[in-house]
């Protein structure tokens, strides 16, 4: 949406849905371009500037440290990350997670963030978001991710929080029906 100039398509506003890092990007976009966001669905995401607990930062660091050991090591480290505690117990979801990870190894090799977060960070500006906002998170996601999602829901005016029972960070792949139903229902209501 940010690279599409207003007027270049039939709609100047978009309903944004972002998962994890994409959710943080969607939050930043909503702050930078409030007039271009019709609604915002944030899935298993924390705002830029939110600091995860030390153990979760270490777990993420282990994934990036695996880069020097090759693709199989990256996939293993990512799948072993605590955010996938439920997903990796479900063979269908695990297979999908491994395949998605293999197709998307480039971000793990980056030595810098692929974008510049808003300044000041979103964590300090959530009250400035004007778009109707839905926050989704699994009750089995990591404590830090749940805290980040709860913070977004608490600080964005009028935001709704929906916790998906039994779900971890893999909402789009393991709980896609619940994610889709919640998102579509929310967007339909926001369009009225």
C-alpha atoms as a PDB file:
ATOM      1  CA  UNK A   1       0.000   0.000   0.000  1.00  0.00           C
ATOM      2  CA  UNK A   2       2.818   2.444   0.782  1.00  0.00           C
ATOM      3  CA  UNK A   3       4.350   2.003  -2.680  1.00  0.00           C
ATOM      4  CA  UNK A   4       1.035   2.491  -4.484  1.00  0.00           C
ATOM      5  CA  UNK A   5       0.318   6.197  -4.965  1.00  0.00           C
ATOM      6  CA  UNK A   6      -3.154   7.398  -3.995  1.00  0.00           C
ATOM      7  CA  UNK A   7      -5.387   7.274  -7.054  1.00  0.00           C
ATOM      8  CA  UNK A   8      -3.326   4.588  -8.829  1.00  0.00           C
ATOM      9  CA  UNK A   9      -5.932   1.968  -7.937  1.00  0.00           C
ATOM     10  CA  UNK A  10      -9.659   2.239  -7.394  1.00  0.00           C
ATOM     11  CA  UNK A  11      -9.289   2.330  -3.603  1.00  0.00           C
ATOM     12  CA  UNK A  12      -7.122   4.756  -1.706  1.00  0.00           C
ATOM     13  CA  UNK A  13      -7.651   2.938   1.593  1.00  0.00           C
ATOM     14  CA  UNK A  14      -6.919  -0.643   2.493  1.00  0.00           C
ATOM     15  CA  UNK A  15      -7.938  -3.109   5.165  1.00  0.00           C
ATOM     16  CA  UNK A  16      -4.556  -4.226   6.516  1.00  0.00           C
ATOM     17  CA  UNK A  17      -3.927  -7.649   8.026  1.00  0.00           C
ATOM     18  CA  UNK A  18      -0.454  -8.388   9.346  1.00  0.00           C
ATOM     19  CA  UNK A  19       0.930 -11.420  11.148  1.00  0.00           C
ATOM     20  CA  UNK A  20       3.981 -11.298  13.427  1.00  0.00           C
ATOM     21  CA  UNK A  21       6.585  -8.999  11.823  1.00  0.00           C
ATOM     22  CA  UNK A  22       3.954  -8.096   9.230  1.00  0.00           C
ATOM     23  CA  UNK A  23       1.662  -7.038  12.064  1.00  0.00           C
ATOM     24  CA  UNK A  24       4.322  -4.676  13.387  1.00  0.00           C
ATOM     25  CA  UNK A  25       4.689  -3.257   9.871  1.00  0.00           C
ATOM     26  CA  UNK A  26       0.917  -2.809   9.587  1.00  0.00           C
ATOM     27  CA  UNK A  27       0.878  -0.923  12.901  1.00  0.00           C
ATOM     28  CA  UNK A  28       3.697   1.344  11.707  1.00  0.00           C
ATOM     29  CA  UNK A  29       1.900   1.911   8.403  1.00  0.00           C
ATOM     30  CA  UNK A  30      -1.309   2.850  10.245  1.00  0.00           C
ATOM     31  CA  UNK A  31       0.670   5.460  12.180  1.00  0.00           C
ATOM     32  CA  UNK A  32       2.469   6.832   9.115  1.00  0.00           C
ATOM     33  CA  UNK A  33      -0.533   6.814   6.758  1.00  0.00           C
ATOM     34  CA  UNK A  34      -3.727   6.928   8.834  1.00  0.00           C
ATOM     35  CA  UNK A  35      -5.750   8.198   5.879  1.00  0.00           C
ATOM     36  CA  UNK A  36      -4.885   5.058   3.870  1.00  0.00           C
ATOM     37  CA  UNK A  37      -6.009   2.479   6.466  1.00  0.00           C
ATOM     38  CA  UNK A  38      -9.677   1.476   6.515  1.00  0.00           C
ATOM     39  CA  UNK A  39      -9.139  -1.109   9.260  1.00  0.00           C
ATOM     40  CA  UNK A  40      -6.304  -2.949  10.927  1.00  0.00           C
ATOM     41  CA  UNK A  41      -6.077  -6.610  11.935  1.00  0.00           C
ATOM     42  CA  UNK A  42      -2.959  -7.384  13.962  1.00  0.00           C
ATOM     43  CA  UNK A  43      -2.204 -11.092  14.330  1.00  0.00           C
ATOM     44  CA  UNK A  44       0.297 -12.388  16.912  1.00  0.00           C
ATOM     45  CA  UNK A  45       2.261  -9.159  16.749  1.00  0.00           C
ATOM     46  CA  UNK A  46       3.889  -6.612  19.001  1.00  0.00           C
ATOM     47  CA  UNK A  47       4.430  -2.970  18.073  1.00  0.00           C
ATOM     48  CA  UNK A  48       7.844  -1.658  17.091  1.00  0.00           C
ATOM     49  CA  UNK A  49       9.759  -0.690  20.224  1.00  0.00           C
ATOM     50  CA  UNK A  50       8.202  -3.430  22.338  1.00  0.00           C
ATOM     51  CA  UNK A  51      10.908  -5.439  24.090  1.00  0.00           C
ATOM     52  CA  UNK A  52      10.280  -9.148  24.388  1.00  0.00           C
ATOM     53  CA  UNK A  53      11.416 -10.979  27.535  1.00  0.00           C
ATOM     54  CA  UNK A  54      15.077 -12.027  27.604  1.00  0.00           C
ATOM     55  CA  UNK A  55      14.388 -15.733  27.048  1.00  0.00           C
ATOM     56  CA  UNK A  56      12.353 -14.967  23.928  1.00  0.00           C
ATOM     57  CA  UNK A  57      15.076 -12.680  22.572  1.00  0.00           C
ATOM     58  CA  UNK A  58      17.603 -15.478  23.146  1.00  0.00           C
ATOM     59  CA  UNK A  59      15.391 -17.979  21.322  1.00  0.00           C
ATOM     60  CA  UNK A  60      15.205 -15.614  18.334  1.00  0.00           C
ATOM     61  CA  UNK A  61      18.962 -15.126  18.486  1.00  0.00           C
ATOM     62  CA  UNK A  62      19.467 -18.898  18.248  1.00  0.00           C
ATOM     63  CA  UNK A  63      17.589 -18.935  14.946  1.00  0.00           C
ATOM     64  CA  UNK A  64      19.813 -16.253  13.452  1.00  0.00           C
ATOM     65  CA  UNK A  65      22.918 -17.953  14.870  1.00  0.00           C
ATOM     66  CA  UNK A  66      21.948 -21.095  12.948  1.00  0.00           C
ATOM     67  CA  UNK A  67      22.523 -19.285   9.645  1.00  0.00           C
ATOM     68  CA  UNK A  68      26.208 -20.182   9.647  1.00  0.00           C
ATOM     69  CA  UNK A  69      25.287 -23.888   9.836  1.00  0.00           C
ATOM     70  CA  UNK A  70      23.131 -23.910   6.693  1.00  0.00           C
ATOM     71  CA  UNK A  71      19.528 -24.146   5.586  1.00  0.00           C
ATOM     72  CA  UNK A  72      18.609 -27.301   7.504  1.00  0.00           C
ATOM     73  CA  UNK A  73      19.925 -25.734  10.707  1.00  0.00           C
ATOM     74  CA  UNK A  74      17.879 -22.574  10.122  1.00  0.00           C
ATOM     75  CA  UNK A  75      14.702 -24.584   9.552  1.00  0.00           C
ATOM     76  CA  UNK A  76      15.331 -26.727  12.644  1.00  0.00           C
ATOM     77  CA  UNK A  77      16.097 -23.711  14.844  1.00  0.00           C
ATOM     78  CA  UNK A  78      12.996 -21.881  13.615  1.00  0.00           C
ATOM     79  CA  UNK A  79      10.671 -24.844  14.098  1.00  0.00           C
ATOM     80  CA  UNK A  80      12.167 -25.444  17.567  1.00  0.00           C
ATOM     81  CA  UNK A  81      11.433 -21.832  18.593  1.00  0.00           C
ATOM     82  CA  UNK A  82       8.934 -21.683  21.504  1.00  0.00           C
ATOM     83  CA  UNK A  83       6.395 -19.761  19.390  1.00  0.00           C
ATOM     84  CA  UNK A  84       5.609 -23.042  17.586  1.00  0.00           C
ATOM     85  CA  UNK A  85       4.983 -25.160  20.710  1.00  0.00           C
ATOM     86  CA  UNK A  86       1.603 -26.374  19.471  1.00  0.00           C
ATOM     87  CA  UNK A  87       2.228 -26.174  15.718  1.00  0.00           C
ATOM     88  CA  UNK A  88       5.113 -28.616  15.841  1.00  0.00           C
ATOM     89  CA  UNK A  89       2.884 -31.238  17.534  1.00  0.00           C
ATOM     90  CA  UNK A  90       0.485 -31.228  14.573  1.00  0.00           C
ATOM     91  CA  UNK A  91       2.071 -33.067  11.612  1.00  0.00           C
ATOM     92  CA  UNK A  92       0.107 -31.166   8.942  1.00  0.00           C
ATOM     93  CA  UNK A  93       0.987 -27.789  10.430  1.00  0.00           C
ATOM     94  CA  UNK A  94       4.612 -28.793  11.022  1.00  0.00           C
ATOM     95  CA  UNK A  95       5.007 -29.853   7.380  1.00  0.00           C
ATOM     96  CA  UNK A  96       3.549 -26.545   6.210  1.00  0.00           C
ATOM     97  CA  UNK A  97       5.708 -24.554   8.637  1.00  0.00           C
ATOM     98  CA  UNK A  98       8.867 -26.294   7.436  1.00  0.00           C
ATOM     99  CA  UNK A  99       7.943 -25.711   3.774  1.00  0.00           C
ATOM    100  CA  UNK A 100       7.146 -22.023   4.353  1.00  0.00           C
ATOM    101  CA  UNK A 101      10.420 -21.588   6.228  1.00  0.00           C
ATOM    102  CA  UNK A 102      12.432 -23.203   3.416  1.00  0.00           C
ATOM    103  CA  UNK A 103      10.800 -20.903   0.852  1.00  0.00           C
ATOM    104  CA  UNK A 104      11.589 -17.846   2.969  1.00  0.00           C
ATOM    105  CA  UNK A 105      15.141 -18.267   4.242  1.00  0.00           C
ATOM    106  CA  UNK A 106      16.389 -14.843   3.083  1.00  0.00           C
ATOM    107  CA  UNK A 107      15.074 -12.891   6.106  1.00  0.00           C
ATOM    108  CA  UNK A 108      17.051 -15.137   8.451  1.00  0.00           C
ATOM    109  CA  UNK A 109      20.253 -14.164   6.622  1.00  0.00           C
ATOM    110  CA  UNK A 110      19.674 -10.416   6.939  1.00  0.00           C
ATOM    111  CA  UNK A 111      22.133  -8.531   9.077  1.00  0.00           C
ATOM    112  CA  UNK A 112      19.807  -5.555   9.519  1.00  0.00           C
ATOM    113  CA  UNK A 113      16.091  -4.876   9.789  1.00  0.00           C
ATOM    114  CA  UNK A 114      14.483  -4.703   6.324  1.00  0.00           C
ATOM    115  CA  UNK A 115      12.703  -1.455   7.159  1.00  0.00           C
ATOM    116  CA  UNK A 116      13.070   1.538   9.436  1.00  0.00           C
ATOM    117  CA  UNK A 117      10.475   1.501  12.237  1.00  0.00           C
ATOM    118  CA  UNK A 118       8.578   4.671  12.999  1.00  0.00           C
ATOM    119  CA  UNK A 119      10.204   7.220  15.270  1.00  0.00           C
ATOM    120  CA  UNK A 120       9.232   7.439  18.032  1.00  0.00           C
ATOM    121  CA  UNK A 121       8.419   3.731  18.067  1.00  0.00           C
ATOM    122  CA  UNK A 122       4.846   2.519  17.755  1.00  0.00           C
ATOM    123  CA  UNK A 123       4.823   1.200  21.322  1.00  0.00           C
ATOM    124  CA  UNK A 124       4.716   4.850  22.457  1.00  0.00           C
ATOM    125  CA  UNK A 125       2.130   5.965  19.876  1.00  0.00           C
ATOM    126  CA  UNK A 126      -0.550   3.282  19.814  1.00  0.00           C
ATOM    127  CA  UNK A 127      -3.175   5.779  21.023  1.00  0.00           C
ATOM    128  CA  UNK A 128      -2.634   7.667  17.740  1.00  0.00           C
ATOM    129  CA  UNK A 129      -4.035   4.814  15.622  1.00  0.00           C
ATOM    130  CA  UNK A 130      -7.431   5.874  14.296  1.00  0.00           C
ATOM    131  CA  UNK A 131      -8.424   2.820  12.247  1.00  0.00           C
ATOM    132  CA  UNK A 132     -10.809   0.248  13.682  1.00  0.00           C
ATOM    133  CA  UNK A 133      -8.468  -2.420  15.045  1.00  0.00           C
ATOM    134  CA  UNK A 134      -8.755  -6.108  15.835  1.00  0.00           C
ATOM    135  CA  UNK A 135      -5.937  -7.897  17.653  1.00  0.00           C
ATOM    136  CA  UNK A 136      -5.736 -11.692  17.419  1.00  0.00           C
ATOM    137  CA  UNK A 137      -3.379 -13.895  19.413  1.00  0.00           C
ATOM    138  CA  UNK A 138      -3.241 -17.530  20.411  1.00  0.00           C
ATOM    139  CA  UNK A 139      -3.472 -18.395  24.088  1.00  0.00           C
ATOM    140  CA  UNK A 140      -0.474 -20.720  23.580  1.00  0.00           C
ATOM    141  CA  UNK A 141       1.767 -18.116  21.908  1.00  0.00           C
ATOM    142  CA  UNK A 142       4.764 -17.064  23.976  1.00  0.00           C
ATOM    143  CA  UNK A 143       4.191 -14.795  26.985  1.00  0.00           C
ATOM    144  CA  UNK A 144       5.989 -11.899  25.295  1.00  0.00           C
ATOM    145  CA  UNK A 145       3.914 -12.139  22.136  1.00  0.00           C
ATOM    146  CA  UNK A 146       0.716 -12.310  24.183  1.00  0.00           C
ATOM    147  CA  UNK A 147       1.821  -9.295  26.226  1.00  0.00           C
ATOM    148  CA  UNK A 148       2.605  -7.356  23.044  1.00  0.00           C
ATOM    149  CA  UNK A 149      -0.784  -8.182  21.546  1.00  0.00           C
ATOM    150  CA  UNK A 150      -2.573  -7.292  24.782  1.00  0.00           C
ATOM    151  CA  UNK A 151      -0.712  -3.961  24.880  1.00  0.00           C
ATOM    152  CA  UNK A 152      -1.852  -3.118  21.335  1.00  0.00           C
ATOM    153  CA  UNK A 153      -5.442  -3.990  22.227  1.00  0.00           C
ATOM    154  CA  UNK A 154      -5.297  -1.930  25.421  1.00  0.00           C
ATOM    155  CA  UNK A 155      -3.681   1.180  23.917  1.00  0.00           C
ATOM    156  CA  UNK A 156      -5.333   1.502  20.488  1.00  0.00           C
ATOM    157  CA  UNK A 157      -8.621   3.353  21.037  1.00  0.00           C
ATOM    158  CA  UNK A 158     -11.572   1.012  20.603  1.00  0.00           C
ATOM    159  CA  UNK A 159      -9.437  -1.996  19.670  1.00  0.00           C
ATOM    160  CA  UNK A 160     -10.869  -5.447  20.188  1.00  0.00           C
ATOM    161  CA  UNK A 161      -8.816  -8.407  21.411  1.00  0.00           C
ATOM    162  CA  UNK A 162      -9.674 -11.951  20.409  1.00  0.00           C
ATOM    163  CA  UNK A 163      -7.702 -14.814  21.947  1.00  0.00           C
ATOM    164  CA  UNK A 164      -7.803 -18.063  19.973  1.00  0.00           C
ATOM    165  CA  UNK A 165      -7.921 -21.070  22.315  1.00  0.00           C
ATOM    166  CA  UNK A 166      -5.249 -23.706  21.763  1.00  0.00           C
ATOM    167  CA  UNK A 167      -3.359 -21.650  19.175  1.00  0.00           C
ATOM    168  CA  UNK A 168       0.279 -20.663  19.202  1.00  0.00           C
ATOM    169  CA  UNK A 169       2.005 -18.208  16.824  1.00  0.00           C
ATOM    170  CA  UNK A 170       0.924 -20.191  13.773  1.00  0.00           C
ATOM    171  CA  UNK A 171      -2.572 -18.748  13.442  1.00  0.00           C
ATOM    172  CA  UNK A 172      -2.396 -18.363   9.632  1.00  0.00           C
ATOM    173  CA  UNK A 173      -1.376 -21.989   9.069  1.00  0.00           C
ATOM    174  CA  UNK A 174      -2.844 -23.975  11.942  1.00  0.00           C
ATOM    175  CA  UNK A 175      -5.930 -21.953  12.775  1.00  0.00           C
ATOM    176  CA  UNK A 176      -6.692 -20.374   9.407  1.00  0.00           C
ATOM    177  CA  UNK A 177     -10.456 -20.921   9.680  1.00  0.00           C
ATOM    178  CA  UNK A 178     -10.621 -19.039  12.977  1.00  0.00           C
ATOM    179  CA  UNK A 179      -8.297 -16.301  11.677  1.00  0.00           C
ATOM    180  CA  UNK A 180     -10.272 -15.875   8.465  1.00  0.00           C
ATOM    181  CA  UNK A 181     -13.669 -15.831  10.192  1.00  0.00           C
ATOM    182  CA  UNK A 182     -12.538 -13.249  12.742  1.00  0.00           C
ATOM    183  CA  UNK A 183     -10.808 -11.055  10.133  1.00  0.00           C
ATOM    184  CA  UNK A 184     -13.580 -11.154   7.552  1.00  0.00           C
ATOM    185  CA  UNK A 185     -16.256 -10.526  10.166  1.00  0.00           C
ATOM    186  CA  UNK A 186     -14.317  -7.578  11.537  1.00  0.00           C
ATOM    187  CA  UNK A 187     -13.650  -6.049   8.108  1.00  0.00           C
ATOM    188  CA  UNK A 188     -17.308  -6.431   7.111  1.00  0.00           C
ATOM    189  CA  UNK A 189     -18.354  -4.602  10.275  1.00  0.00           C
ATOM    190  CA  UNK A 190     -15.722  -1.888   9.682  1.00  0.00           C
ATOM    191  CA  UNK A 191     -17.063  -1.304   6.140  1.00  0.00           C
ATOM    192  CA  UNK A 192     -20.544  -0.396   7.406  1.00  0.00           C
END
